[in-house]
Protein backbone atom coordinates (compact mmCIF):
# COMPACT_ATOMS: atom_id res chain seq x y z
CA MET A 1 17.10 57.42 29.76
CA THR A 2 15.74 60.15 30.90
CA GLY A 3 16.52 63.88 30.45
CA HIS A 4 17.16 64.36 34.18
CA ARG A 5 19.67 61.43 34.65
CA THR A 6 23.05 62.99 35.92
CA THR A 7 26.39 61.29 35.24
CA VAL A 8 29.78 62.08 36.64
CA PHE A 9 32.54 61.56 34.32
CA TYR A 10 36.94 61.69 35.87
CA ALA A 11 39.49 62.68 33.52
CA SER A 12 43.53 63.66 34.17
CA THR A 13 44.67 63.67 30.30
CA LEU A 14 43.32 65.22 27.62
CA PHE A 15 43.53 61.64 25.66
CA GLY A 16 41.10 60.35 28.28
CA ALA A 17 38.83 63.26 27.87
CA MET A 18 39.21 62.76 24.46
CA SER A 19 37.98 59.23 24.62
CA LEU A 20 35.28 60.25 26.52
CA ALA A 21 33.96 62.66 23.98
CA ALA A 22 34.25 59.80 21.56
CA ALA A 23 32.06 57.32 23.74
CA ILE A 24 29.65 60.45 24.16
CA ASP A 25 29.81 61.07 20.34
CA ASP A 26 28.74 57.64 19.91
CA GLY A 27 25.53 57.40 22.38
CA ARG A 28 26.98 55.44 25.14
CA PHE A 29 25.90 58.01 27.77
CA GLY A 30 22.33 59.33 26.70
CA SER A 31 21.20 62.59 27.60
CA GLY A 32 21.00 64.18 30.70
CA ARG A 33 23.09 66.12 33.38
CA ARG A 34 26.95 65.37 32.64
CA VAL A 35 29.33 66.56 35.40
CA LEU A 36 33.28 66.17 34.45
CA ILE A 37 35.84 65.75 37.40
CA VAL A 38 39.59 66.58 36.35
CA SER A 39 42.28 66.30 37.83
CA SER A 40 46.32 66.74 37.20
CA ASN A 41 47.96 63.91 38.81
CA THR A 42 51.68 65.04 37.86
CA ALA A 43 54.48 65.14 40.49
CA VAL A 44 53.82 69.04 40.91
CA PRO A 45 50.51 69.74 40.16
CA GLU A 46 50.87 73.27 40.52
CA VAL A 47 53.41 73.93 37.33
CA THR A 48 51.19 71.99 35.09
CA THR A 49 48.27 73.70 32.85
CA PRO A 50 44.68 72.05 34.14
CA LEU A 51 43.45 70.09 32.12
CA ASP A 52 40.23 72.11 31.36
CA ARG A 53 42.84 74.97 30.68
CA THR A 54 44.58 73.48 27.80
CA PRO A 55 43.59 74.75 24.44
CA GLY A 56 42.33 71.75 23.33
CA PHE A 57 40.24 71.24 26.30
CA ALA A 58 37.93 73.90 24.62
CA ALA A 59 36.85 71.39 21.64
CA LEU A 60 35.47 69.02 24.11
CA ARG A 61 34.03 71.66 26.78
CA ALA A 62 30.30 71.68 25.36
CA ARG A 63 30.06 68.01 25.88
CA PHE A 64 30.00 68.53 29.62
CA GLY A 65 27.65 70.63 31.56
CA GLU A 66 29.76 71.14 34.50
CA VAL A 67 33.30 70.91 34.94
CA HIS A 68 35.23 70.98 38.40
CA SER A 69 38.85 70.38 39.58
CA TRP A 70 39.75 67.59 41.72
CA ASN A 71 42.94 69.06 42.82
CA GLU A 72 41.26 72.34 43.93
CA LEU A 73 38.40 70.35 45.90
CA ILE A 74 41.46 68.59 48.05
CA ALA A 75 44.25 71.12 47.94
CA PRO A 76 47.15 70.63 49.35
CA LEU A 77 46.51 67.24 49.22
CA HIS A 78 47.97 65.29 45.92
CA PRO A 79 45.41 63.44 44.34
CA SER A 80 47.36 60.48 43.62
CA ASP A 81 48.31 60.25 47.58
CA TRP A 82 45.18 61.27 49.09
CA ARG A 83 42.49 58.24 50.14
CA ALA A 84 39.82 59.06 52.38
CA ARG A 85 39.59 56.85 55.78
CA VAL A 86 37.07 54.72 56.35
CA ILE A 87 35.44 56.83 59.14
CA GLU A 88 35.50 59.81 57.42
CA VAL A 89 33.70 58.37 53.96
CA PRO A 90 30.02 59.23 55.31
CA MET A 91 30.82 62.61 56.22
CA LEU A 92 33.31 63.59 53.08
CA GLU A 93 30.59 62.12 50.56
CA ARG A 94 28.04 64.29 51.93
CA LEU A 95 30.46 67.01 51.84
CA ILE A 96 31.66 66.31 48.32
CA ARG A 97 27.90 65.80 46.78
CA SER A 98 26.84 69.22 48.30
CA HIS A 99 29.76 70.87 46.75
CA LEU A 100 28.90 69.69 43.28
CA ALA A 101 25.25 69.51 44.24
CA LEU A 102 25.29 66.25 43.03
CA GLY A 103 21.86 64.92 44.21
CA GLU A 104 21.40 61.24 42.98
CA VAL A 105 23.86 60.05 40.58
CA ASP A 106 23.13 57.57 37.58
CA GLU A 107 26.49 56.62 37.13
CA LEU A 108 30.02 57.13 37.69
CA VAL A 109 32.73 56.86 34.71
CA LEU A 110 36.27 56.46 35.62
CA GLU A 111 39.50 55.77 34.43
CA SER A 112 42.32 53.76 36.18
CA ILE A 113 39.80 52.37 39.05
CA ALA A 114 42.68 50.42 40.90
CA VAL A 115 44.26 53.71 42.19
CA PRO A 116 43.88 57.33 43.02
CA PRO A 117 42.35 59.27 42.54
CA ALA A 118 39.64 57.43 40.70
CA ARG A 119 39.70 54.33 43.48
CA THR A 120 39.31 57.65 45.73
CA ILE A 121 36.41 59.21 44.24
CA ALA A 122 34.38 55.62 43.69
CA ARG A 123 34.32 55.48 47.55
CA LEU A 124 32.96 58.68 47.91
CA VAL A 125 30.44 59.00 45.07
CA ARG A 126 28.71 55.69 46.05
CA ASP A 127 25.15 53.91 45.58
CA CYS A 128 25.55 54.18 41.62
CA PRO A 129 26.97 51.87 38.68
CA ILE A 130 30.36 52.60 37.73
CA THR A 131 31.47 52.51 33.90
CA VAL A 132 35.53 52.58 33.92
CA TYR A 133 36.83 53.47 30.62
CA SER A 134 40.41 52.29 29.49
CA ASP A 135 43.91 54.40 29.32
CA GLY A 136 45.49 52.86 26.54
CA LEU A 137 47.33 49.70 26.43
CA MET A 138 47.04 48.88 29.88
CA SER A 139 43.50 47.66 29.61
CA TYR A 140 44.71 44.52 28.01
CA GLY A 141 46.46 43.72 30.69
CA PRO A 142 45.33 42.28 34.15
CA THR A 143 43.79 44.62 36.68
CA ARG A 144 46.69 46.74 38.51
CA ASP A 145 45.42 45.62 41.93
CA PRO A 146 42.89 43.60 43.72
CA LEU A 147 39.70 45.73 43.98
CA PRO A 148 37.37 45.84 47.12
CA ALA A 149 34.10 44.43 46.94
CA GLU A 150 32.57 47.49 47.53
CA ILE A 151 34.00 48.78 44.23
CA PHE A 152 33.68 45.86 42.05
CA HIS A 153 30.22 45.01 42.41
CA ARG A 154 29.32 48.32 41.53
CA ILE A 155 31.30 48.09 37.75
CA VAL A 156 29.18 47.22 35.00
CA ARG A 157 31.37 47.69 31.71
CA LEU A 158 34.64 48.46 30.25
CA LEU A 159 34.60 51.05 27.61
CA HIS A 160 37.98 51.04 25.61
CA LEU A 161 39.25 52.17 22.06
CA ASP A 162 40.25 48.86 19.77
CA LEU A 163 43.28 49.44 19.70
CA VAL A 164 44.54 46.20 18.84
CA PRO A 165 41.76 44.28 16.53
CA GLY A 166 41.54 41.15 17.97
CA LEU A 167 42.57 41.46 21.27
CA THR A 168 40.16 41.66 24.13
CA PRO A 169 40.94 43.45 27.42
CA LEU A 170 41.80 41.61 30.82
CA LEU A 171 41.43 44.56 32.42
CA LEU A 172 38.43 43.59 34.71
CA SER A 173 37.63 40.50 33.77
CA GLU A 174 38.10 38.73 36.74
CA TYR A 175 35.18 40.37 37.96
CA GLY A 176 32.78 39.35 35.31
CA VAL A 177 33.13 42.74 33.54
CA ALA A 178 32.15 42.80 29.87
CA ALA A 179 34.35 44.77 27.39
CA SER A 180 32.94 46.88 24.96
CA ALA A 181 34.97 48.53 22.01
CA LEU A 182 34.38 51.84 20.37
CA PRO A 183 33.89 51.91 16.96
CA GLU A 184 36.88 52.86 14.81
CA ALA A 185 35.12 55.96 13.42
CA ALA A 186 34.44 57.53 16.85
CA PHE A 187 38.19 58.85 17.86
CA PRO A 188 39.65 60.26 14.77
CA PRO A 189 36.80 63.02 14.65
CA VAL A 190 37.38 64.02 18.23
CA VAL A 191 40.92 64.45 17.52
CA ARG A 192 40.84 66.47 14.19
CA GLU A 193 38.07 68.45 16.46
CA VAL A 194 40.85 69.26 18.91
CA ALA A 195 43.53 69.97 16.14
CA THR A 196 41.72 72.53 15.12
CA THR A 197 42.84 74.58 18.46
CA ALA A 198 46.17 73.86 17.98
CA SER A 199 48.14 76.53 16.38
CA GLY A 200 51.89 76.85 15.65
CA LEU A 201 52.82 73.17 15.70
CA PRO A 202 56.22 72.90 14.75
CA GLN A 203 57.20 70.76 11.48
CA GLY A 204 58.90 67.33 11.07
CA ARG A 205 58.41 64.44 8.71
CA ALA A 206 59.34 62.38 11.63
CA MET A 207 58.12 62.01 15.46
CA ILE A 208 59.54 60.80 18.66
CA LEU A 209 57.41 60.11 21.84
CA GLY A 210 58.98 60.10 24.95
CA GLN A 211 57.22 58.52 27.96
CA TYR A 212 58.88 59.91 31.40
CA LEU A 213 60.14 56.07 31.81
CA SER A 214 62.67 57.00 34.79
CA ALA A 215 59.37 58.54 36.91
CA LEU A 216 58.14 54.68 36.50
CA ASP A 217 61.64 53.54 37.79
CA LEU A 218 61.94 51.40 34.27
CA LEU A 219 65.10 53.74 33.87
CA THR A 220 67.51 56.09 35.23
CA PRO A 221 66.83 59.66 34.02
CA GLU A 222 70.35 59.43 32.39
CA GLU A 223 69.11 56.14 30.50
CA GLU A 224 66.55 57.81 29.40
CA ALA A 225 67.78 60.51 28.08
CA VAL A 226 70.20 58.40 25.86
CA LEU A 227 67.25 56.30 24.71
CA HIS A 228 65.79 59.66 23.15
CA GLU A 229 68.88 60.21 21.89
CA SER A 230 69.54 56.99 20.28
CA MET A 231 66.00 57.58 18.65
CA LEU A 232 66.91 60.55 17.28
CA ARG A 233 70.22 59.22 15.86
CA ALA A 234 68.54 56.62 14.71
CA LEU A 235 66.22 58.80 12.58
CA ALA A 236 68.95 60.77 11.34
CA ALA A 237 70.63 57.60 9.77
CA ARG A 238 67.33 57.04 8.16
CA GLY A 239 67.86 60.23 6.40
CA HIS A 240 65.45 62.34 8.63
CA THR A 241 66.39 66.13 8.52
CA GLY A 242 63.64 67.52 10.77
CA VAL A 243 62.30 65.84 13.92
CA VAL A 244 59.24 66.48 15.98
CA PHE A 245 59.97 65.46 20.28
CA LYS A 246 56.83 65.01 21.78
CA PRO A 247 57.71 64.70 25.42
CA HIS A 248 55.49 63.03 28.69
CA PRO A 249 53.59 66.40 29.87
CA ALA A 250 55.27 65.44 33.22
CA ALA A 251 59.08 64.78 32.03
CA GLY A 252 59.96 68.73 32.23
CA PRO A 253 62.34 70.53 30.10
CA GLY A 254 65.51 68.83 30.68
CA HIS A 255 65.00 65.76 28.20
CA ALA A 256 64.35 68.60 25.54
CA ARG A 257 67.42 70.57 25.82
CA ARG A 258 69.67 67.51 25.75
CA LEU A 259 67.61 66.54 22.75
CA ARG A 260 68.58 69.79 21.16
CA ASP A 261 72.27 69.64 21.60
CA VAL A 262 72.46 66.33 20.06
CA ALA A 263 70.12 67.39 16.84
CA ARG A 264 72.20 70.40 16.14
CA SER A 265 75.57 68.14 16.15
CA LEU A 266 73.55 65.55 13.94
CA ASP A 267 72.36 68.59 11.87
CA VAL A 268 68.82 67.84 12.34
CA ARG A 269 66.01 70.55 12.88
CA LEU A 270 64.32 69.26 16.40
CA ALA A 271 61.29 70.85 17.33
CA VAL A 272 59.34 70.36 20.56
CA VAL A 273 56.06 70.39 21.02
CA GLY A 274 53.76 71.90 24.30
CA GLU A 275 53.16 69.85 27.16
CA SER A 276 49.27 70.25 26.24
CA VAL A 277 49.20 68.87 23.17
CA PRO A 278 48.26 65.43 22.68
CA ALA A 279 50.06 63.42 20.36
CA GLU A 280 47.30 62.22 18.66
CA VAL A 281 46.82 65.73 17.64
CA CYS A 282 50.22 65.86 15.88
CA PHE A 283 49.12 62.54 14.35
CA ALA A 284 46.07 64.42 12.73
CA ALA A 285 47.94 67.67 11.68
CA LEU A 286 51.40 66.55 10.87
CA ARG A 287 51.10 63.33 9.23
CA PRO A 288 54.40 62.38 10.24
CA GLU A 289 56.44 60.07 7.87
CA LEU A 290 57.58 57.83 10.92
CA VAL A 291 56.58 57.73 14.41
CA VAL A 292 59.11 56.28 16.97
CA GLY A 293 58.69 55.46 20.82
CA CYS A 294 59.31 53.12 23.37
CA PHE A 295 55.88 51.40 24.13
CA SER A 296 53.48 54.43 24.48
CA THR A 297 50.16 53.95 23.29
CA ALA A 298 50.52 56.64 21.14
CA LEU A 299 52.12 54.49 18.79
CA VAL A 300 49.38 52.54 18.25
CA THR A 301 46.80 54.96 18.05
CA ALA A 302 49.33 56.63 15.33
CA ARG A 303 48.91 53.50 13.55
CA ARG A 304 45.65 52.24 13.88
CA PHE A 305 43.30 55.78 13.89
CA PHE A 306 45.77 57.55 11.21
CA GLY A 307 47.43 54.79 9.36
CA LEU A 308 50.85 56.02 10.02
CA PRO A 309 54.08 54.14 10.07
CA VAL A 310 55.44 53.69 13.55
CA ALA A 311 58.63 51.84 15.19
CA SER A 312 59.20 50.81 18.56
CA PHE A 313 62.93 51.50 19.80
CA GLY A 314 64.20 50.13 23.32
CA THR A 315 61.74 47.50 24.24
CA GLY A 316 64.14 44.66 24.79
CA PRO A 317 66.02 46.34 27.41
CA VAL A 318 62.94 47.33 29.27
CA LEU A 319 61.35 44.03 29.26
CA GLU A 320 64.75 42.72 31.07
CA ARG A 321 64.18 45.54 33.66
CA LEU A 322 60.78 45.64 34.52
CA THR A 323 60.06 44.17 37.82
CA PRO A 324 58.04 42.67 39.61
CA TYR A 325 56.90 40.48 37.12
CA GLU A 326 53.50 41.89 37.73
CA ASN A 327 54.69 45.20 36.75
CA SER A 328 51.60 46.82 35.19
CA ASN A 329 53.34 47.97 31.82
CA ARG A 330 54.43 44.79 31.07
CA VAL A 331 51.52 43.82 29.00
CA PRO A 332 51.96 47.26 26.84
CA VAL A 333 55.59 46.73 26.34
CA THR A 334 55.28 42.96 25.09
CA ILE A 335 52.26 44.18 23.00
CA VAL A 336 54.44 46.96 21.32
CA ASP A 337 57.43 44.75 20.90
CA ALA A 338 55.59 41.52 19.63
CA LEU A 339 53.26 43.58 17.18
CA LEU A 340 55.11 46.82 15.71
CA PRO A 341 58.34 47.19 13.33
CA ARG A 342 61.60 47.62 15.41
CA LEU A 343 63.83 50.64 14.76
CA SER A 344 67.65 49.75 14.97
CA PRO A 345 70.42 52.27 15.88
CA ASP A 346 71.47 51.96 12.41
CA GLY A 347 68.36 53.45 11.05
CA SER A 348 66.83 50.22 9.57
CA LEU A 349 63.61 48.75 10.49
CA ALA A 350 62.86 45.29 11.13
CA GLU A 351 59.38 43.33 11.63
CA PRO A 352 59.11 41.35 14.70
CA PRO A 353 59.16 37.40 14.54
CA GLU A 354 55.41 36.32 14.07
CA VAL A 355 53.58 35.22 17.38
CA ASP A 356 50.01 34.31 18.41
CA LEU A 357 49.67 37.75 19.97
CA PRO A 358 46.27 36.78 21.40
CA ALA A 359 47.88 33.98 23.28
CA LEU A 360 51.00 35.50 24.17
CA VAL A 361 48.88 38.46 25.72
CA ARG A 362 46.75 35.91 27.64
CA ALA A 363 49.87 33.67 28.53
CA VAL A 364 51.90 36.81 30.29
CA GLY A 365 48.51 37.82 31.81
CA TYR A 366 48.02 34.43 33.67
CA CYS A 367 51.83 34.64 34.82
CA MET A 368 51.35 38.42 36.01
CA ARG A 369 48.26 37.24 38.19
CA ALA A 370 47.84 33.37 38.01
CA GLU A 371 45.33 33.72 41.29
CA ALA A 372 42.96 35.69 39.68
CA TYR A 373 43.03 34.39 35.90
CA PRO A 374 43.33 30.22 36.58
CA GLY A 375 41.28 30.04 33.35
CA LEU A 376 44.35 31.34 31.14
CA ARG A 377 46.57 29.07 32.22
CA PRO A 378 48.21 27.85 28.67
CA ALA A 379 48.39 24.30 27.73
CA THR A 380 51.33 24.36 25.37
CA LEU A 381 52.98 27.65 24.48
CA ASP A 382 56.82 28.45 23.37
CA PHE A 383 58.13 30.62 26.16
CA ASP A 384 60.33 33.16 24.85
CA PRO A 385 62.63 34.21 27.41
CA ARG A 386 62.07 37.64 25.96
CA TYR A 387 58.42 37.73 27.87
CA PHE A 388 58.77 35.30 30.72
CA ARG A 389 61.37 34.74 33.40
CA ARG A 390 62.55 31.38 34.03
CA ARG A 391 61.88 31.84 37.74
CA ARG A 392 58.04 32.90 37.26
CA LEU A 393 57.71 29.78 35.35
CA GLU A 394 58.90 27.52 37.94
CA ALA A 395 56.99 29.34 40.68
CA LEU A 396 53.85 28.57 38.31
CA GLY A 397 54.46 24.76 37.40
CA LEU A 398 55.37 26.18 33.70
CA ALA A 399 59.08 25.97 33.53
CA VAL A 400 59.11 22.23 31.32
CA ALA A 401 57.52 23.84 28.35
CA ALA A 402 59.90 26.97 28.97
CA ARG A 403 62.16 27.54 26.01
CA PRO A 404 66.16 27.41 27.06
CA THR A 405 67.72 30.59 27.53
CA ALA A 406 70.96 31.13 25.12
CA LEU A 407 72.88 30.63 28.23
CA ALA A 408 71.38 27.15 28.61
CA ARG A 409 71.66 26.69 25.23
CA LEU A 410 75.37 27.37 25.03
CA ARG A 411 75.96 24.91 27.86
CA GLY A 412 74.19 22.38 26.34
CA ARG A 413 76.18 22.76 23.34
CA LEU A 414 79.48 22.59 25.69
CA ARG A 415 78.32 19.49 27.23
CA SER A 416 77.60 17.82 23.80
CA ALA A 417 81.14 18.69 22.61
CA LEU A 418 82.90 17.14 25.58
């Protein structure tokens, strides 16, 4: 790799930027000019602190020669909504290359390639290979949407954090893209570097992770508030008197306000972490005794990279609610539900039943997008109704092997008794 190499990166979160920094430190991109495009994809970006203006980004800034805002470039359009029309692509490509003084680009590095703004950027910065880096547990699931040939033919690799050892990402595998895991030791030093910029972090021996599930239409706002309250009550039942709440950056202040009221009634000190502080920074700085969440990727990073005790809460109802079956959150929920201890409302912890996780994830991935992954069709598997829907199995010709539901078992016993 020569010193004249130009690599264009894109990131929308500090977690993504930290992942890029870990890959750069690991030598995955070599030397040369590094241009970073950042965007805020929240519902109202104008009221959200831009990624490159958060305190934590200062620790990562030196790894990039230039930083540009996608929001400012396409304002007043929203990054998640705007797509260039086919007839506009050549003109907009010239304008963007000129505005960013790109010249020849050797590599484009993107997250969430299936959706804008990453997909839009890929269409406007053409004629170069694409590296995709994963956005957490979703990398273990199928590609969210089919990609046009003009994009998937350019993708040369998938870089990902090794969040679940022994599990291989399905993302982009239908296009023959090889997955490459960053070494376990690459990520924590970057997090500790960012943690040095986080001053005045609140204290607490347990931590709740918010995900803004209502924005994903997985729960109603009221149900999500009740979910957080139930987590807090369960932690109080375990004897925790100091709890840190890490809300999702896009969730707004409503959840925290309501949770504070519940904490007062439980005589629990509740501290809320600022929106610009990644959960991983809290793990490194606070070392909580227990981290609780629904199915956040941060649950796995807490356990994998920081050795912290973690527990899931509420995955069962989410698995029941997920529609359609192809919902891209299905694999993350499945992994967390099948892998991590479960916290009960009474404060007790229980390990999930033993399962062949790689086989389960492959089978779920097949059921989500059978046409894209025919080689994943399971020959034999105990189709637990917690993870598989009978109607889906019937449509794929797999229902014969499916485990009967509780209702079906009850009907069978009744018939036997008659």
